[in-house]
Amino acid sequence: MAQLLRAVTARGIMPAYTSKLPAAFAVEQQRSAGESPLPPPPPTPPLIEPLNQRELEVLRLFKTELSGPESANVNNRRAAVKRAAEPDLL
């Protein structure tokens, strides 16, 4: 059954439904074994649109110890607007 679910998921057939099935089977197996299962976590919704390179760069900078202004290379709003105008972001 698991192999069939992987094949269906790989083909993109009803992904919202098929992604829930493995967790449902795991819960049922725990119930039948007498364990009290935790409810499955809600599925992560897909992004509406993919992130661009700058957004990915900013997310990577969040993992560092830099402050917000340091990661943006600016110290105030005025500098941020000036910086955003350089590559025609505004």
N, C-alpha and C. Protein backbone atom coordinates (compact mmCIF):
# COMPACT_ATOMS: atom_id res chain seq x y z
N MET A 1 0.83 -1.20 0.00
CA MET A 1 0.00 0.00 0.00
C MET A 1 0.87 1.25 0.00
N ALA A 2 1.95 1.24 0.81
CA ALA A 2 2.83 2.41 0.89
C ALA A 2 3.47 2.69 -0.46
N GLN A 3 3.86 1.62 -1.16
CA GLN A 3 4.49 1.79 -2.47
C GLN A 3 3.48 2.39 -3.47
N LEU A 4 2.26 1.95 -3.40
CA LEU A 4 1.22 2.49 -4.28
C LEU A 4 0.98 3.97 -3.99
N LEU A 5 0.93 4.34 -2.70
CA LEU A 5 0.75 5.75 -2.35
C LEU A 5 1.90 6.62 -2.84
N ARG A 6 3.13 6.10 -2.72
CA ARG A 6 4.28 6.86 -3.23
C ARG A 6 4.17 7.06 -4.74
N ALA A 7 3.74 6.05 -5.45
CA ALA A 7 3.60 6.15 -6.91
C ALA A 7 2.53 7.16 -7.29
N VAL A 8 1.41 7.13 -6.59
CA VAL A 8 0.32 8.06 -6.86
C VAL A 8 0.75 9.49 -6.54
N THR A 9 1.45 9.67 -5.42
CA THR A 9 1.92 10.99 -5.03
C THR A 9 2.93 11.51 -6.04
N ALA A 10 3.82 10.65 -6.51
CA ALA A 10 4.83 11.06 -7.49
C ALA A 10 4.19 11.52 -8.79
N ARG A 11 3.06 10.94 -9.13
CA ARG A 11 2.35 11.35 -10.36
C ARG A 11 1.48 12.58 -10.16
N GLY A 12 1.36 13.05 -8.92
CA GLY A 12 0.58 14.25 -8.66
C GLY A 12 -0.91 14.03 -8.68
N ILE A 13 -1.34 12.81 -8.45
CA ILE A 13 -2.77 12.49 -8.46
C ILE A 13 -3.37 12.85 -7.11
N MET A 14 -4.31 13.76 -7.10
CA MET A 14 -5.02 14.20 -5.90
C MET A 14 -4.07 14.44 -4.72
N PRO A 15 -3.09 15.35 -4.87
CA PRO A 15 -2.07 15.52 -3.83
C PRO A 15 -2.62 15.93 -2.48
N ALA A 16 -3.66 16.73 -2.43
CA ALA A 16 -4.21 17.15 -1.15
C ALA A 16 -4.75 15.96 -0.36
N TYR A 17 -5.31 15.00 -1.06
CA TYR A 17 -5.88 13.82 -0.41
C TYR A 17 -4.81 12.78 -0.12
N THR A 18 -3.99 12.47 -1.12
CA THR A 18 -3.00 11.40 -0.95
C THR A 18 -1.93 11.76 0.08
N SER A 19 -1.67 13.05 0.28
CA SER A 19 -0.66 13.43 1.27
C SER A 19 -1.16 13.17 2.69
N LYS A 20 -2.45 13.08 2.89
CA LYS A 20 -3.02 12.83 4.22
C LYS A 20 -3.08 11.33 4.55
N LEU A 21 -3.06 10.48 3.56
CA LEU A 21 -3.27 9.06 3.80
C LEU A 21 -2.18 8.39 4.65
N PRO A 22 -0.88 8.64 4.41
CA PRO A 22 0.11 7.97 5.26
C PRO A 22 -0.07 8.29 6.75
N ALA A 23 -0.38 9.53 7.06
CA ALA A 23 -0.59 9.90 8.46
C ALA A 23 -1.83 9.21 9.02
N ALA A 24 -2.87 9.10 8.22
CA ALA A 24 -4.10 8.43 8.67
C ALA A 24 -3.83 6.95 8.94
N PHE A 25 -3.03 6.31 8.08
CA PHE A 25 -2.69 4.91 8.30
C PHE A 25 -1.87 4.74 9.58
N ALA A 26 -0.95 5.66 9.81
CA ALA A 26 -0.11 5.59 11.02
C ALA A 26 -0.97 5.72 12.27
N VAL A 27 -1.93 6.62 12.26
CA VAL A 27 -2.83 6.80 13.41
C VAL A 27 -3.64 5.53 13.65
N GLU A 28 -4.13 4.95 12.57
CA GLU A 28 -4.93 3.73 12.70
C GLU A 28 -4.09 2.58 13.24
N GLN A 29 -2.84 2.48 12.81
CA GLN A 29 -1.96 1.42 13.32
C GLN A 29 -1.70 1.62 14.81
N GLN A 30 -1.53 2.86 15.24
CA GLN A 30 -1.31 3.13 16.66
C GLN A 30 -2.55 2.78 17.46
N ARG A 31 -3.70 3.11 16.92
CA ARG A 31 -4.96 2.77 17.63
C ARG A 31 -5.10 1.27 17.79
N SER A 32 -4.83 0.54 16.71
CA SER A 32 -4.99 -0.91 16.78
C SER A 32 -3.94 -1.54 17.70
N ALA A 33 -2.82 -0.87 17.90
CA ALA A 33 -1.79 -1.37 18.82
C ALA A 33 -2.07 -0.95 20.26
N GLY A 34 -3.13 -0.19 20.49
CA GLY A 34 -3.49 0.23 21.83
C GLY A 34 -2.83 1.51 22.29
N GLU A 35 -2.10 2.17 21.41
CA GLU A 35 -1.45 3.43 21.76
C GLU A 35 -2.43 4.58 21.54
N SER A 36 -2.20 5.67 22.23
CA SER A 36 -3.04 6.84 21.99
C SER A 36 -2.26 7.80 21.08
N PRO A 37 -2.62 7.86 19.81
CA PRO A 37 -1.87 8.66 18.86
C PRO A 37 -2.16 10.15 19.00
N LEU A 38 -1.16 10.93 18.65
CA LEU A 38 -1.37 12.38 18.55
C LEU A 38 -2.04 12.67 17.22
N PRO A 39 -2.84 13.72 17.15
CA PRO A 39 -3.45 14.04 15.86
C PRO A 39 -2.36 14.43 14.86
N PRO A 40 -2.54 14.08 13.60
CA PRO A 40 -1.52 14.42 12.61
C PRO A 40 -1.43 15.93 12.42
N PRO A 41 -0.24 16.45 12.14
CA PRO A 41 -0.12 17.90 11.93
C PRO A 41 -0.82 18.30 10.64
N PRO A 42 -1.31 19.52 10.59
CA PRO A 42 -1.98 19.96 9.36
C PRO A 42 -0.97 20.03 8.23
N PRO A 43 -1.40 19.73 7.00
CA PRO A 43 -0.47 19.78 5.88
C PRO A 43 -0.03 21.22 5.61
N THR A 44 1.20 21.36 5.17
CA THR A 44 1.73 22.68 4.84
C THR A 44 1.22 23.08 3.46
N PRO A 45 0.54 24.23 3.38
CA PRO A 45 0.01 24.62 2.06
C PRO A 45 1.16 25.04 1.14
N PRO A 46 1.02 24.78 -0.15
CA PRO A 46 2.07 25.20 -1.08
C PRO A 46 2.08 26.72 -1.21
N LEU A 47 3.23 27.26 -1.60
CA LEU A 47 3.34 28.70 -1.82
C LEU A 47 2.49 29.11 -3.00
N ILE A 48 1.86 30.27 -2.91
CA ILE A 48 1.04 30.77 -4.02
C ILE A 48 1.94 31.08 -5.21
N GLU A 49 3.07 31.71 -4.93
CA GLU A 49 4.06 31.95 -5.98
C GLU A 49 5.43 31.71 -5.38
N PRO A 50 6.37 31.24 -6.19
CA PRO A 50 7.69 30.94 -5.64
C PRO A 50 8.42 32.20 -5.20
N LEU A 51 9.34 32.04 -4.25
CA LEU A 51 10.12 33.17 -3.76
C LEU A 51 11.18 33.54 -4.78
N ASN A 52 11.45 34.85 -4.89
CA ASN A 52 12.51 35.27 -5.80
C ASN A 52 13.86 35.16 -5.09
N GLN A 53 14.94 35.42 -5.81
CA GLN A 53 16.28 35.25 -5.25
C GLN A 53 16.52 36.15 -4.04
N ARG A 54 16.06 37.40 -4.10
CA ARG A 54 16.27 38.33 -2.98
C ARG A 54 15.52 37.86 -1.74
N GLU A 55 14.30 37.38 -1.92
CA GLU A 55 13.53 36.88 -0.78
C GLU A 55 14.23 35.68 -0.14
N LEU A 56 14.77 34.79 -0.97
CA LEU A 56 15.52 33.65 -0.45
C LEU A 56 16.77 34.11 0.30
N GLU A 57 17.45 35.13 -0.25
CA GLU A 57 18.64 35.67 0.41
C GLU A 57 18.29 36.25 1.78
N VAL A 58 17.19 36.99 1.85
CA VAL A 58 16.77 37.58 3.13
C VAL A 58 16.43 36.49 4.13
N LEU A 59 15.75 35.44 3.70
CA LEU A 59 15.44 34.33 4.60
C LEU A 59 16.71 33.68 5.13
N ARG A 60 17.71 33.53 4.27
CA ARG A 60 18.98 32.97 4.73
C ARG A 60 19.65 33.87 5.76
N LEU A 61 19.53 35.19 5.56
CA LEU A 61 20.13 36.13 6.51
C LEU A 61 19.44 36.09 7.87
N PHE A 62 18.17 35.71 7.91
CA PHE A 62 17.45 35.61 9.18
C PHE A 62 18.11 34.57 10.10
N LYS A 63 18.73 33.56 9.50
CA LYS A 63 19.37 32.51 10.30
C LYS A 63 20.68 32.98 10.92
N THR A 64 21.21 34.10 10.46
CA THR A 64 22.47 34.61 11.01
C THR A 64 22.19 35.45 12.25
N GLU A 65 23.24 35.96 12.85
CA GLU A 65 23.09 36.79 14.04
C GLU A 65 23.00 38.28 13.70
N LEU A 66 22.84 38.60 12.43
CA LEU A 66 22.72 39.99 12.02
C LEU A 66 21.38 40.56 12.46
N SER A 67 21.37 41.86 12.77
CA SER A 67 20.11 42.53 13.07
C SER A 67 19.38 42.81 11.76
N GLY A 68 18.13 43.24 11.86
CA GLY A 68 17.36 43.57 10.66
C GLY A 68 18.05 44.58 9.77
N PRO A 69 18.46 45.73 10.33
CA PRO A 69 19.16 46.72 9.50
C PRO A 69 20.48 46.20 8.93
N GLU A 70 21.21 45.38 9.70
CA GLU A 70 22.47 44.85 9.20
C GLU A 70 22.24 43.90 8.01
N SER A 71 21.20 43.08 8.09
CA SER A 71 20.93 42.16 7.00
C SER A 71 20.41 42.87 5.77
N ALA A 72 19.79 44.01 5.97
CA ALA A 72 19.29 44.79 4.83
C ALA A 72 20.32 45.80 4.35
N ASN A 73 21.43 45.95 5.09
CA ASN A 73 22.50 46.91 4.76
C ASN A 73 22.02 48.35 4.82
N VAL A 74 21.02 48.62 5.66
CA VAL A 74 20.54 49.99 5.87
C VAL A 74 20.26 50.16 7.36
N ASN A 75 20.15 51.45 7.78
CA ASN A 75 19.92 51.72 9.19
C ASN A 75 18.59 52.40 9.47
N ASN A 76 17.91 52.88 8.43
CA ASN A 76 16.63 53.55 8.65
C ASN A 76 15.78 53.44 7.39
N ARG A 77 14.55 53.93 7.48
CA ARG A 77 13.62 53.82 6.35
C ARG A 77 14.10 54.58 5.13
N ARG A 78 14.65 55.75 5.38
CA ARG A 78 15.11 56.57 4.25
C ARG A 78 16.20 55.83 3.46
N ALA A 79 17.13 55.22 4.19
CA ALA A 79 18.18 54.45 3.52
C ALA A 79 17.60 53.22 2.82
N ALA A 80 16.58 52.63 3.42
CA ALA A 80 15.94 51.46 2.79
C ALA A 80 15.28 51.85 1.47
N VAL A 81 14.60 53.02 1.44
CA VAL A 81 13.96 53.47 0.21
C VAL A 81 15.03 53.76 -0.84
N LYS A 82 16.12 54.40 -0.42
CA LYS A 82 17.20 54.72 -1.34
C LYS A 82 17.79 53.42 -1.90
N ARG A 83 18.02 52.45 -1.02
CA ARG A 83 18.59 51.17 -1.44
C ARG A 83 17.65 50.42 -2.39
N ALA A 84 16.35 50.46 -2.12
CA ALA A 84 15.37 49.79 -2.97
C ALA A 84 15.27 50.45 -4.33
N ALA A 85 15.53 51.75 -4.41
CA ALA A 85 15.45 52.46 -5.68
C ALA A 85 16.63 52.11 -6.59
N GLU A 86 17.75 51.69 -6.02
CA GLU A 86 18.94 51.39 -6.83
C GLU A 86 18.68 50.32 -7.89
N PRO A 87 18.18 49.13 -7.52
CA PRO A 87 17.94 48.11 -8.56
C PRO A 87 16.53 48.20 -9.15
N ASP A 88 15.91 49.36 -9.07
CA ASP A 88 14.55 49.58 -9.59
C ASP A 88 13.53 48.68 -8.92
N LEU A 89 13.68 48.49 -7.59
CA LEU A 89 12.66 47.73 -6.85
C LEU A 89 11.43 48.58 -6.60
N LEU A 90 11.59 49.91 -6.59
CA LEU A 90 10.45 50.81 -6.39
C LEU A 90 10.19 51.63 -7.62
